[in-house]
Amino acid sequence: MKLARRLDHIEPFYVMECAKAAARIAASRACDPLQGGEPMIFLNIGEPDFTAPPLVREAAERCLAEGRTQYTPATGLEALREALSGWYAERFGLDIAPGRIVITAGASAALQLACLALFEAGDEVLMPDPSYPCNRHFVAAVDARAVLLPCGPAERYQLSARAVEQAWRSQTRGVLLASPSNPTGTSIAADEMRRIAEAVRTRGGVTLVDEIYLGLSHEAAYGHSALAHGEDVISINSFSKYFSMTGWRLGWLVLPPALVPAVEKLAQNLFICASSVAQHAALACFAPASIAEYERRRAAFKARRDLVVPGLRALGLDVPVMPDGAFYAWADSSRFGSSSWDLVFELMDRAHVALTPGRDFGRNGTETMLRLSYANSLSQLEEALHRLRRVLA
């Protein structure tokens, strides 16, 4: 069967290949407690160990019991768009009209819709290296090209306005950023984000910012939204991370008003709407009791970071930049060899700790980097550090 040539530009998702290997080892005798083994500790996948809080689960149950499972408008429930507008006002001091918000089937659908609406063959989109691999593949899927710009610890692994200005060419259409970032957990300072948006705007481009980890900022200096820097900035967000609703597949876009009809047309044709049950349930995310629970969880993630990063550094796995958000530590494994891929598989086999090698995340020195997800309990993280110490010593 002849396949579309665009597939040539989309690489395998190696994170998932490692996850399969970790699952195989976890099912082996070496990890079976009944046979004297130690269970695998999974620190490889970017999924909160917390699930949707009680009010959200109860709202979903009521929705099903009452039969409210019909299609919603393609842009989402009006009540949910209004709730998000209120959340932006209360949390970030931003006036985001509900009409600018489009509810999507996860952040992945949001990225696909934005890329389809804005990019075409021959366009180039500037992105940092390292960055989340699927973001560049959304660009490739519409036959545009992601241009990866090397960003090191001195830049907090993020693009700067100067880098954008220097890399901009006639075919450049815009930038796709992530703040906080996967895999580095680092964010772009507010002043720098403003300068980037201005540089892109001056050149007639578009600024897209993946903000799915924004609610999980650990430092006040970085807990801001790029939406503060102009109505033309596009934000991609999700209920998966801060709101702990990964499998519910629910996200949203904040768009310039003029772009909403185009995205709505695409959403009508490609998705019809996001899950109605997930949307009705998500309304309960904004209840005071739910927000209080989410804030307790945010504090728990920060406590985990404060355990994990010094622990990794003590093992010789240096973390060049302290993560300020999300739940990832981006660590340098070069002390233990030239391939984090090989090291990760050795650690799965010998320490029974699953981590993610840097191969997926770019080409700028990523072959010696690895990502640890601290979306796990403190007790599991302490045990993981103990096992890593045992092997790496």
Protein backbone atom coordinates (compact mmCIF):
# COMPACT_ATOMS: atom_id res chain seq x y z
CA MET A 1 0.00 0.00 0.00
CA LYS A 2 1.37 3.39 -0.95
CA LEU A 3 1.64 5.73 2.04
CA ALA A 4 1.57 9.51 2.10
CA ARG A 5 5.02 11.08 1.90
CA ARG A 6 4.34 13.22 4.96
CA LEU A 7 4.90 10.10 7.06
CA ASP A 8 8.58 10.30 6.10
CA HIS A 9 8.82 13.44 8.25
CA ILE A 10 7.19 11.93 11.33
CA GLU A 11 9.52 9.87 13.51
CA PRO A 12 8.45 7.05 15.84
CA PHE A 13 7.47 8.15 19.35
CA TYR A 14 10.38 6.58 21.23
CA VAL A 15 8.86 7.45 24.61
CA MET A 16 6.20 4.84 23.89
CA GLU A 17 8.78 2.30 22.69
CA CYS A 18 10.52 2.64 26.05
CA ALA A 19 7.17 2.34 27.81
CA LYS A 20 6.53 -0.97 26.03
CA ALA A 21 9.94 -2.26 27.11
CA ALA A 22 9.30 -1.13 30.69
CA ALA A 23 5.96 -2.97 30.68
CA ARG A 24 7.63 -6.16 29.43
CA ILE A 25 10.27 -6.04 32.16
CA ALA A 26 7.62 -5.17 34.76
CA ALA A 27 5.77 -8.36 33.81
CA SER A 28 8.88 -10.51 34.20
CA ARG A 29 9.91 -12.64 37.15
CA ALA A 30 12.51 -10.05 38.20
CA CYS A 31 9.70 -7.60 38.98
CA ASP A 32 7.26 -10.07 40.52
CA PRO A 33 7.10 -9.60 44.32
CA LEU A 34 5.67 -13.12 44.68
CA GLN A 35 8.93 -14.46 43.25
CA GLY A 36 11.23 -12.20 45.21
CA GLY A 37 11.37 -9.42 42.64
CA GLU A 38 10.92 -5.68 43.05
CA PRO A 39 8.09 -3.96 41.14
CA MET A 40 9.01 -1.53 38.38
CA ILE A 41 8.81 2.15 39.34
CA PHE A 42 7.47 4.08 36.37
CA LEU A 43 8.96 7.58 36.10
CA ASN A 44 8.85 7.66 32.31
CA ILE A 45 5.35 8.82 31.35
CA GLY A 46 4.08 12.39 31.75
CA GLU A 47 0.85 11.52 33.50
CA PRO A 48 -0.15 12.75 36.98
CA ASP A 49 -0.60 9.97 39.52
CA PHE A 50 -3.59 11.96 40.75
CA THR A 51 -6.93 11.25 39.08
CA ALA A 52 -9.93 13.53 38.64
CA PRO A 53 -11.11 14.75 42.07
CA PRO A 54 -14.41 13.59 43.59
CA LEU A 55 -16.63 16.41 42.34
CA VAL A 56 -15.53 15.81 38.76
CA ARG A 57 -16.18 12.07 38.93
CA GLU A 58 -19.56 12.70 40.53
CA ALA A 59 -20.47 15.17 37.79
CA ALA A 60 -19.65 12.55 35.15
CA GLU A 61 -21.82 9.99 36.91
CA ARG A 62 -24.75 12.43 37.04
CA CYS A 63 -24.27 13.23 33.37
CA LEU A 64 -24.53 9.57 32.46
CA ALA A 65 -27.46 8.91 34.81
CA GLU A 66 -29.38 11.82 33.32
CA GLY A 67 -28.57 10.86 29.75
CA ARG A 68 -26.79 14.12 28.87
CA THR A 69 -24.57 12.47 26.28
CA GLN A 70 -25.63 14.22 23.08
CA TYR A 71 -23.37 16.26 20.82
CA THR A 72 -22.40 19.71 22.01
CA PRO A 73 -21.58 22.64 19.74
CA ALA A 74 -18.25 22.18 17.97
CA THR A 75 -16.77 24.98 20.06
CA GLY A 76 -17.88 23.31 23.28
CA LEU A 77 -20.43 23.87 26.03
CA GLU A 78 -21.05 27.57 26.57
CA ALA A 79 -21.00 27.02 30.33
CA LEU A 80 -17.52 25.44 30.13
CA ARG A 81 -16.17 28.27 27.98
CA GLU A 82 -17.54 30.74 30.53
CA ALA A 83 -15.98 28.77 33.40
CA LEU A 84 -12.59 28.89 31.68
CA SER A 85 -13.00 32.62 31.11
CA GLY A 86 -13.61 33.03 34.85
CA TRP A 87 -10.57 30.89 35.67
CA TYR A 88 -8.33 33.10 33.53
CA ALA A 89 -9.69 36.18 35.30
CA GLU A 90 -9.26 34.79 38.80
CA ARG A 91 -5.97 32.93 38.34
CA PHE A 92 -4.12 35.20 35.89
CA GLY A 93 -6.00 38.51 35.96
CA LEU A 94 -6.83 38.19 32.26
CA ASP A 95 -10.01 39.23 30.48
CA ILE A 96 -10.54 36.37 28.02
CA ALA A 97 -13.94 36.48 26.35
CA PRO A 98 -15.69 33.05 26.31
CA GLY A 99 -16.18 33.49 22.56
CA ARG A 100 -12.40 33.22 22.05
CA ILE A 101 -12.29 29.77 23.68
CA VAL A 102 -12.79 26.57 21.66
CA ILE A 103 -13.12 23.28 23.55
CA THR A 104 -11.22 20.43 21.87
CA ALA A 105 -10.68 16.68 22.16
CA GLY A 106 -7.50 17.16 24.16
CA ALA A 107 -4.54 19.45 23.52
CA SER A 108 -3.57 17.19 20.62
CA ALA A 109 -6.75 18.10 18.75
CA ALA A 110 -6.15 21.74 19.65
CA LEU A 111 -2.68 21.64 18.09
CA GLN A 112 -3.95 19.85 15.01
CA LEU A 113 -6.73 22.41 14.50
CA ALA A 114 -4.37 25.35 14.97
CA CYS A 115 -1.78 23.93 12.57
CA LEU A 116 -4.40 23.10 9.93
CA ALA A 117 -5.83 26.61 10.15
CA LEU A 118 -2.49 28.43 9.98
CA PHE A 119 0.23 26.43 8.20
CA GLU A 120 0.67 24.92 4.76
CA ALA A 121 3.32 23.35 2.56
CA GLY A 122 6.51 25.42 2.46
CA ASP A 123 5.88 27.21 5.76
CA GLU A 124 8.48 27.04 8.52
CA VAL A 125 7.70 27.14 12.23
CA LEU A 126 10.43 27.97 14.76
CA MET A 127 10.67 25.75 17.84
CA PRO A 128 13.22 25.21 20.62
CA ASP A 129 15.50 22.19 20.69
CA PRO A 130 14.83 20.33 23.01
CA SER A 131 11.04 20.25 22.82
CA TYR A 132 8.11 17.84 22.90
CA PRO A 133 8.33 15.70 19.73
CA CYS A 134 4.61 15.58 18.94
CA ASN A 135 4.53 19.37 18.59
CA ARG A 136 6.90 19.30 15.64
CA HIS A 137 5.02 16.34 14.17
CA PHE A 138 1.76 18.32 14.18
CA VAL A 139 3.59 20.86 12.04
CA ALA A 140 4.93 18.13 9.73
CA ALA A 141 1.45 16.58 9.42
CA VAL A 142 0.24 19.70 7.58
CA ASP A 143 3.30 19.58 5.28
CA ALA A 144 5.01 22.54 6.96
CA ARG A 145 8.48 22.24 8.50
CA ALA A 146 9.53 22.60 12.12
CA VAL A 147 12.83 24.46 12.41
CA LEU A 148 14.53 23.45 15.65
CA LEU A 149 16.75 26.13 17.19
CA PRO A 150 19.32 24.86 19.72
CA CYS A 151 18.61 26.13 23.24
CA GLY A 152 20.90 25.27 26.11
CA PRO A 153 20.94 25.77 29.88
CA ALA A 154 21.95 29.44 29.47
CA GLU A 155 18.61 30.04 27.70
CA ARG A 156 16.73 27.76 30.12
CA TYR A 157 16.17 25.53 27.07
CA GLN A 158 13.76 28.14 25.64
CA LEU A 159 13.72 30.41 22.61
CA SER A 160 14.55 34.08 23.02
CA ALA A 161 13.34 37.02 20.96
CA ARG A 162 16.87 37.44 19.63
CA ALA A 163 17.00 33.84 18.42
CA VAL A 164 13.63 34.28 16.72
CA GLU A 165 14.78 37.46 14.98
CA GLN A 166 18.02 35.85 13.78
CA ALA A 167 16.32 32.68 12.47
CA TRP A 168 13.36 34.38 10.76
CA ARG A 169 13.25 33.92 6.98
CA SER A 170 10.79 34.72 4.21
CA GLN A 171 9.11 31.32 4.60
CA THR A 172 8.87 31.53 8.40
CA ARG A 173 5.23 31.56 9.47
CA GLY A 174 5.53 31.69 13.24
CA VAL A 175 6.76 30.10 16.46
CA LEU A 176 5.47 27.18 18.52
CA LEU A 177 6.62 27.41 22.12
CA ALA A 178 5.85 25.51 25.33
CA SER A 179 5.91 27.17 28.73
CA PRO A 180 6.39 25.26 31.00
CA SER A 181 8.14 22.83 28.70
CA ASN A 182 8.15 19.10 28.31
CA PRO A 183 10.87 17.71 28.75
CA THR A 184 12.71 20.42 30.68
CA GLY A 185 10.09 21.80 33.06
CA THR A 186 11.33 25.32 32.30
CA SER A 187 9.30 28.39 31.36
CA ILE A 188 9.78 31.64 29.48
CA ALA A 189 9.97 34.79 31.61
CA ALA A 190 7.13 37.25 31.06
CA ASP A 191 9.33 40.01 29.62
CA GLU A 192 10.96 37.60 27.17
CA MET A 193 7.59 36.21 26.12
CA ARG A 194 6.41 39.75 25.42
CA ARG A 195 9.51 40.42 23.30
CA ILE A 196 9.00 37.20 21.34
CA ALA A 197 5.35 38.04 20.64
CA GLU A 198 6.35 41.52 19.48
CA ALA A 199 9.11 40.16 17.21
CA VAL A 200 6.72 37.68 15.61
CA ARG A 201 3.94 40.25 15.27
CA THR A 202 6.27 42.74 13.58
CA ARG A 203 7.12 40.10 10.97
CA GLY A 204 3.49 39.19 10.30
CA GLY A 205 3.75 35.79 11.97
CA VAL A 206 1.78 33.87 14.57
CA THR A 207 2.75 32.97 18.13
CA LEU A 208 1.43 29.65 19.44
CA VAL A 209 2.17 28.65 23.03
CA ASP A 210 1.56 25.21 24.48
CA GLU A 211 0.46 26.00 28.05
CA ILE A 212 -0.80 22.59 29.14
CA TYR A 213 1.44 22.67 32.25
CA LEU A 214 0.75 26.32 33.08
CA GLY A 215 -1.37 25.50 36.12
CA LEU A 216 1.58 23.54 37.56
CA SER A 217 4.02 26.43 37.80
CA HIS A 218 6.18 26.18 40.92
CA GLU A 219 7.61 29.71 40.91
CA ALA A 220 5.62 32.95 40.92
CA ALA A 221 8.05 34.53 38.46
CA TYR A 222 6.98 32.08 35.75
CA GLY A 223 3.33 31.46 36.54
CA HIS A 224 1.95 33.73 33.82
CA SER A 225 0.09 33.14 30.57
CA ALA A 226 1.34 34.26 27.18
CA LEU A 227 -2.20 35.51 26.56
CA ALA A 228 -1.22 38.63 28.50
CA HIS A 229 0.90 39.72 25.53
CA GLY A 230 -1.74 40.36 22.91
CA GLU A 231 -5.03 39.10 21.56
CA ASP A 232 -3.19 37.60 18.58
CA VAL A 233 -1.30 35.10 20.78
CA ILE A 234 -2.76 31.58 20.53
CA SER A 235 -2.75 29.36 23.61
CA ILE A 236 -3.13 25.58 23.62
CA ASN A 237 -4.24 24.09 26.92
CA SER A 238 -5.61 20.90 28.43
CA PHE A 239 -7.55 19.43 31.32
CA SER A 240 -5.00 16.59 31.50
CA LYS A 241 -2.22 17.93 33.70
CA TYR A 242 -3.30 20.55 36.28
CA PHE A 243 -6.89 19.27 36.24
CA SER A 244 -5.82 15.57 36.37
CA MET A 245 -8.11 14.40 33.53
CA THR A 246 -5.65 12.67 31.17
CA GLY A 247 -7.85 9.92 29.73
CA TRP A 248 -10.88 12.17 29.42
CA ARG A 249 -9.29 13.76 26.32
CA LEU A 250 -10.38 17.33 26.85
CA GLY A 251 -8.51 20.52 25.99
CA TRP A 252 -9.07 24.00 24.64
CA LEU A 253 -7.72 26.79 22.46
CA VAL A 254 -7.75 30.50 23.12
CA LEU A 255 -7.81 32.24 19.74
CA PRO A 256 -7.95 35.70 18.21
CA PRO A 257 -11.66 36.40 17.51
CA ALA A 258 -11.10 36.38 13.74
CA LEU A 259 -9.68 32.85 13.85
CA VAL A 260 -12.59 31.25 15.75
CA PRO A 261 -14.88 30.70 12.71
CA ALA A 262 -12.10 28.97 10.75
CA VAL A 263 -11.23 26.65 13.64
CA GLU A 264 -14.92 25.99 14.31
CA LYS A 265 -15.38 24.93 10.68
CA LEU A 266 -12.45 22.54 10.93
CA ALA A 267 -13.67 21.16 14.27
CA GLN A 268 -17.16 20.55 12.88
CA ASN A 269 -15.72 18.47 10.06
CA LEU A 270 -12.92 16.64 11.86
CA PHE A 271 -14.21 16.08 15.41
CA ILE A 272 -17.87 17.20 15.59
CA CYS A 273 -17.21 18.01 19.26
CA ALA A 274 -15.23 16.93 22.29
CA SER A 275 -16.71 14.30 24.60
CA SER A 276 -19.93 15.67 26.06
CA VAL A 277 -19.50 13.63 29.25
CA ALA A 278 -15.98 15.00 29.75
CA GLN A 279 -17.23 18.54 29.18
CA HIS A 280 -20.07 18.27 31.69
CA ALA A 281 -17.68 16.71 34.22
CA ALA A 282 -15.07 19.43 33.68
CA LEU A 283 -17.49 22.08 34.90
CA ALA A 284 -16.86 20.70 38.39
CA CYS A 285 -13.12 21.45 38.04
CA PHE A 286 -13.85 25.07 38.90
CA ALA A 287 -15.77 24.45 42.13
CA PRO A 288 -13.89 25.92 45.12
CA ALA A 289 -13.36 22.47 46.63
CA SER A 290 -11.85 21.19 43.39
CA ILE A 291 -9.55 24.20 42.98
CA ALA A 292 -8.39 23.76 46.59
CA GLU A 293 -7.56 20.13 45.82
CA TYR A 294 -5.68 21.08 42.66
CA GLU A 295 -3.62 23.59 44.59
CA ARG A 296 -2.74 20.94 47.19
CA ARG A 297 -1.58 18.74 44.35
CA ARG A 298 0.47 21.55 42.85
CA ALA A 299 2.26 21.93 46.20
CA ALA A 300 2.85 18.17 46.25
CA PHE A 301 4.52 18.32 42.83
CA LYS A 302 6.81 21.09 44.06
CA ALA A 303 7.77 19.01 47.10
CA ARG A 304 8.59 16.11 44.79
CA ARG A 305 10.73 18.35 42.62
CA ASP A 306 12.62 19.52 45.69
CA LEU A 307 13.38 15.89 46.56
CA VAL A 308 14.21 14.61 43.08
CA VAL A 309 16.47 17.31 41.65
CA PRO A 310 19.03 17.35 44.50
CA GLY A 311 18.81 13.55 44.58
CA LEU A 312 19.68 13.24 40.89
CA ARG A 313 22.50 15.74 41.19
CA ALA A 314 23.98 13.76 44.10
CA LEU A 315 23.99 10.66 41.88
CA GLY A 316 25.96 12.40 39.13
CA LEU A 317 22.90 12.97 36.95
CA ASP A 318 23.19 16.73 36.79
CA VAL A 319 20.05 18.79 36.24
CA PRO A 320 21.49 21.93 34.59
CA VAL A 321 18.37 24.07 35.15
CA MET A 322 15.99 23.73 38.09
CA PRO A 323 12.52 23.07 36.62
CA ASP A 324 10.03 25.80 37.52
CA GLY A 325 6.88 23.97 36.40
CA ALA A 326 5.30 20.74 35.15
CA PHE A 327 6.73 17.55 36.71
CA TYR A 328 9.92 16.78 34.80
CA ALA A 329 13.63 16.81 35.57
CA TRP A 330 15.92 17.04 32.50
CA ALA A 331 19.17 15.39 33.57
CA ASP A 332 22.60 14.99 31.98
CA SER A 333 23.75 11.36 31.98
CA SER A 334 27.06 11.92 30.13
CA ARG A 335 29.04 10.88 33.22
CA PHE A 336 27.73 7.35 32.63
CA GLY A 337 28.31 7.08 28.88
CA SER A 338 27.49 8.66 25.56
CA SER A 339 24.00 7.20 25.18
CA SER A 340 21.13 7.90 27.56
CA TRP A 341 19.14 5.35 25.52
CA ASP A 342 21.50 2.56 26.59
CA LEU A 343 21.60 3.81 30.16
CA VAL A 344 17.81 3.95 30.45
CA PHE A 345 17.49 0.33 29.32
CA GLU A 346 20.23 -0.73 31.74
CA LEU A 347 18.44 1.04 34.60
CA MET A 348 15.17 -0.65 33.67
CA ASP A 349 16.90 -4.04 33.76
CA ARG A 350 19.02 -3.56 36.87
CA ALA A 351 17.30 -0.91 39.00
CA HIS A 352 13.74 -1.57 37.82
CA VAL A 353 13.23 2.17 37.37
CA ALA A 354 11.76 3.36 34.07
CA LEU A 355 13.02 6.72 32.77
CA THR A 356 12.85 8.33 29.32
CA PRO A 357 15.95 8.86 27.13
CA GLY A 358 16.43 12.19 25.41
CA ARG A 359 16.29 10.82 21.86
CA ASP A 360 12.71 11.96 21.23
CA PHE A 361 13.17 15.55 22.22
CA GLY A 362 15.50 16.98 19.60
CA ARG A 363 19.07 16.92 18.37
CA ASN A 364 20.82 19.49 20.57
CA GLY A 365 22.83 17.21 22.86
CA THR A 366 19.74 15.17 23.70
CA GLU A 367 21.55 11.85 23.21
CA THR A 368 23.12 12.23 26.68
CA MET A 369 20.03 13.64 28.42
CA LEU A 370 17.21 11.79 30.12
CA ARG A 371 13.84 12.83 31.49
CA LEU A 372 12.47 11.80 34.86
CA SER A 373 8.77 12.37 35.52
CA TYR A 374 8.19 13.02 39.21
CA ALA A 375 4.44 12.46 38.84
CA ASN A 376 4.66 9.77 41.49
CA SER A 377 4.49 9.58 45.27
CA LEU A 378 7.33 10.76 47.51
CA SER A 379 7.80 7.22 48.80
CA GLN A 380 8.15 5.84 45.27
CA LEU A 381 10.55 8.64 44.31
CA GLU A 382 12.69 7.97 47.39
CA GLU A 383 12.81 4.28 46.53
CA ALA A 384 13.70 5.07 42.92
CA LEU A 385 16.62 7.26 44.00
CA HIS A 386 17.80 4.48 46.32
CA ARG A 387 17.74 1.95 43.47
CA LEU A 388 19.48 4.32 41.05
CA ARG A 389 22.19 4.92 43.66
CA ARG A 390 22.65 1.18 44.03
CA VAL A 391 23.28 0.71 40.30
CA LEU A 392 25.07 3.93 39.40
CA ALA A 393 27.52 3.63 42.27
